[in-house]
Amino acid sequence: MSKIKIKQIKSSIKRLKNQKRTLIALGLRGIGKEVIHENSATIRGMISKVEHLVSVDESK
């Protein structure tokens, strides 16, 4: 399965609680932090909830 690199590019301050919790669940705890996850439907769903706060780079 391919990997996805997710980087937080905007702050979670003044965001909805579910968006903050989604960022924490992804492992993102601040602007500029990056995590790598497997490309799965669950992770894609989480990314779609916070797509305005993160950037996604797909690698093989």
N, C-alpha and C. Protein backbone atom coordinates (compact mmCIF):
# COMPACT_ATOMS: atom_id res chain seq x y z
N MET A 1 0.84 -1.18 0.00
CA MET A 1 0.00 0.00 0.00
C MET A 1 0.89 1.24 0.00
N SER A 2 0.45 2.30 -0.64
CA SER A 2 1.25 3.52 -0.74
C SER A 2 1.15 4.34 0.55
N LYS A 3 2.08 5.26 0.67
CA LYS A 3 2.16 6.12 1.85
C LYS A 3 1.69 7.53 1.49
N ILE A 4 1.22 8.24 2.50
CA ILE A 4 0.79 9.63 2.35
C ILE A 4 1.53 10.46 3.39
N LYS A 5 2.13 11.57 2.95
CA LYS A 5 2.77 12.51 3.87
C LYS A 5 1.79 13.67 4.08
N ILE A 6 1.46 13.92 5.34
CA ILE A 6 0.50 14.97 5.68
C ILE A 6 1.23 16.03 6.50
N LYS A 7 1.08 17.29 6.11
CA LYS A 7 1.74 18.39 6.80
C LYS A 7 0.69 19.42 7.20
N GLN A 8 0.73 19.84 8.46
CA GLN A 8 -0.21 20.86 8.93
C GLN A 8 0.32 22.22 8.49
N ILE A 9 -0.54 22.99 7.78
CA ILE A 9 -0.10 24.28 7.26
C ILE A 9 -0.84 25.46 7.89
N LYS A 10 -1.92 25.18 8.62
CA LYS A 10 -2.66 26.24 9.30
C LYS A 10 -2.94 25.85 10.74
N SER A 11 -3.18 26.84 11.57
CA SER A 11 -3.40 26.62 12.98
C SER A 11 -4.77 26.01 13.27
N SER A 12 -4.86 25.32 14.39
CA SER A 12 -6.14 24.74 14.81
C SER A 12 -6.87 25.66 15.78
N ILE A 13 -6.29 26.80 16.07
CA ILE A 13 -6.95 27.77 16.95
C ILE A 13 -8.23 28.29 16.27
N LYS A 14 -9.28 28.41 17.03
CA LYS A 14 -10.60 28.87 16.58
C LYS A 14 -11.22 27.94 15.55
N ARG A 15 -10.92 26.66 15.64
CA ARG A 15 -11.53 25.65 14.77
C ARG A 15 -12.51 24.84 15.59
N LEU A 16 -13.39 24.13 14.91
CA LEU A 16 -14.34 23.28 15.59
C LEU A 16 -13.63 22.17 16.35
N LYS A 17 -14.24 21.71 17.43
CA LYS A 17 -13.62 20.69 18.27
C LYS A 17 -13.34 19.41 17.51
N ASN A 18 -14.26 19.03 16.61
CA ASN A 18 -14.03 17.79 15.86
C ASN A 18 -12.85 17.92 14.90
N GLN A 19 -12.59 19.12 14.39
CA GLN A 19 -11.43 19.33 13.52
C GLN A 19 -10.14 19.25 14.34
N LYS A 20 -10.14 19.82 15.54
CA LYS A 20 -8.97 19.74 16.41
C LYS A 20 -8.68 18.29 16.77
N ARG A 21 -9.71 17.54 17.09
CA ARG A 21 -9.53 16.13 17.46
C ARG A 21 -9.05 15.30 16.27
N THR A 22 -9.49 15.65 15.08
CA THR A 22 -9.04 14.94 13.89
C THR A 22 -7.55 15.17 13.66
N LEU A 23 -7.10 16.41 13.82
CA LEU A 23 -5.66 16.70 13.68
C LEU A 23 -4.84 15.91 14.69
N ILE A 24 -5.31 15.84 15.93
CA ILE A 24 -4.60 15.09 16.95
C ILE A 24 -4.58 13.61 16.61
N ALA A 25 -5.71 13.09 16.11
CA ALA A 25 -5.79 11.68 15.74
C ALA A 25 -4.84 11.36 14.59
N LEU A 26 -4.62 12.31 13.71
CA LEU A 26 -3.66 12.12 12.62
C LEU A 26 -2.22 12.22 13.10
N GLY A 27 -2.02 12.76 14.30
CA GLY A 27 -0.67 12.90 14.85
C GLY A 27 -0.08 14.28 14.63
N LEU A 28 -0.90 15.23 14.23
CA LEU A 28 -0.43 16.59 13.96
C LEU A 28 -0.70 17.47 15.18
N ARG A 29 0.35 18.11 15.68
CA ARG A 29 0.19 18.90 16.90
C ARG A 29 0.69 20.32 16.75
N GLY A 30 0.89 20.79 15.52
CA GLY A 30 1.32 22.16 15.33
C GLY A 30 1.65 22.43 13.87
N ILE A 31 1.73 23.70 13.55
CA ILE A 31 2.03 24.12 12.19
C ILE A 31 3.44 23.65 11.83
N GLY A 32 3.57 23.09 10.63
CA GLY A 32 4.87 22.63 10.16
C GLY A 32 5.18 21.19 10.49
N LYS A 33 4.36 20.55 11.32
CA LYS A 33 4.59 19.14 11.68
C LYS A 33 4.15 18.25 10.54
N GLU A 34 4.88 17.16 10.34
CA GLU A 34 4.58 16.20 9.27
C GLU A 34 4.45 14.80 9.84
N VAL A 35 3.54 14.03 9.25
CA VAL A 35 3.39 12.62 9.60
C VAL A 35 3.22 11.82 8.32
N ILE A 36 3.53 10.54 8.41
CA ILE A 36 3.35 9.64 7.26
C ILE A 36 2.40 8.54 7.68
N HIS A 37 1.38 8.31 6.86
CA HIS A 37 0.38 7.28 7.10
C HIS A 37 0.21 6.42 5.86
N GLU A 38 -0.36 5.24 6.05
CA GLU A 38 -0.75 4.39 4.93
C GLU A 38 -1.93 5.06 4.22
N ASN A 39 -2.02 4.86 2.92
CA ASN A 39 -3.13 5.40 2.15
C ASN A 39 -4.34 4.47 2.29
N SER A 40 -5.21 4.80 3.23
CA SER A 40 -6.40 3.98 3.47
C SER A 40 -7.64 4.88 3.46
N ALA A 41 -8.79 4.24 3.38
CA ALA A 41 -10.05 4.99 3.34
C ALA A 41 -10.26 5.78 4.63
N THR A 42 -9.85 5.22 5.75
CA THR A 42 -10.00 5.90 7.03
C THR A 42 -9.18 7.18 7.08
N ILE A 43 -7.94 7.10 6.68
CA ILE A 43 -7.06 8.27 6.68
C ILE A 43 -7.55 9.30 5.68
N ARG A 44 -8.00 8.85 4.51
CA ARG A 44 -8.54 9.77 3.50
C ARG A 44 -9.76 10.52 4.04
N GLY A 45 -10.61 9.85 4.78
CA GLY A 45 -11.78 10.49 5.37
C GLY A 45 -11.39 11.54 6.39
N MET A 46 -10.37 11.23 7.19
CA MET A 46 -9.89 12.20 8.18
C MET A 46 -9.28 13.41 7.49
N ILE A 47 -8.54 13.18 6.42
CA ILE A 47 -7.94 14.29 5.67
C ILE A 47 -9.03 15.19 5.08
N SER A 48 -10.10 14.60 4.59
CA SER A 48 -11.17 15.40 3.98
C SER A 48 -11.84 16.32 4.99
N LYS A 49 -11.84 15.94 6.27
CA LYS A 49 -12.43 16.78 7.32
C LYS A 49 -11.59 18.01 7.62
N VAL A 50 -10.29 17.91 7.39
CA VAL A 50 -9.39 19.02 7.72
C VAL A 50 -8.54 19.44 6.53
N GLU A 51 -9.06 19.25 5.31
CA GLU A 51 -8.27 19.53 4.11
C GLU A 51 -7.85 20.99 3.99
N HIS A 52 -8.56 21.91 4.64
CA HIS A 52 -8.22 23.32 4.59
C HIS A 52 -7.07 23.66 5.56
N LEU A 53 -6.68 22.70 6.42
CA LEU A 53 -5.62 22.93 7.40
C LEU A 53 -4.34 22.17 7.08
N VAL A 54 -4.40 21.25 6.13
CA VAL A 54 -3.25 20.40 5.84
C VAL A 54 -2.92 20.38 4.35
N SER A 55 -1.69 19.95 4.05
CA SER A 55 -1.31 19.66 2.67
C SER A 55 -0.94 18.18 2.61
N VAL A 56 -1.24 17.55 1.49
CA VAL A 56 -1.02 16.12 1.33
C VAL A 56 -0.09 15.87 0.17
N ASP A 57 0.92 15.03 0.40
CA ASP A 57 1.85 14.62 -0.64
C ASP A 57 1.83 13.11 -0.73
N GLU A 58 1.43 12.61 -1.89
CA GLU A 58 1.35 11.16 -2.08
C GLU A 58 2.67 10.65 -2.65
N SER A 59 3.20 9.61 -2.02
CA SER A 59 4.41 8.99 -2.52
C SER A 59 4.17 7.49 -2.67
N LYS A 60 4.99 6.83 -3.49
CA LYS A 60 4.76 5.42 -3.75
C LYS A 60 5.71 4.55 -2.98
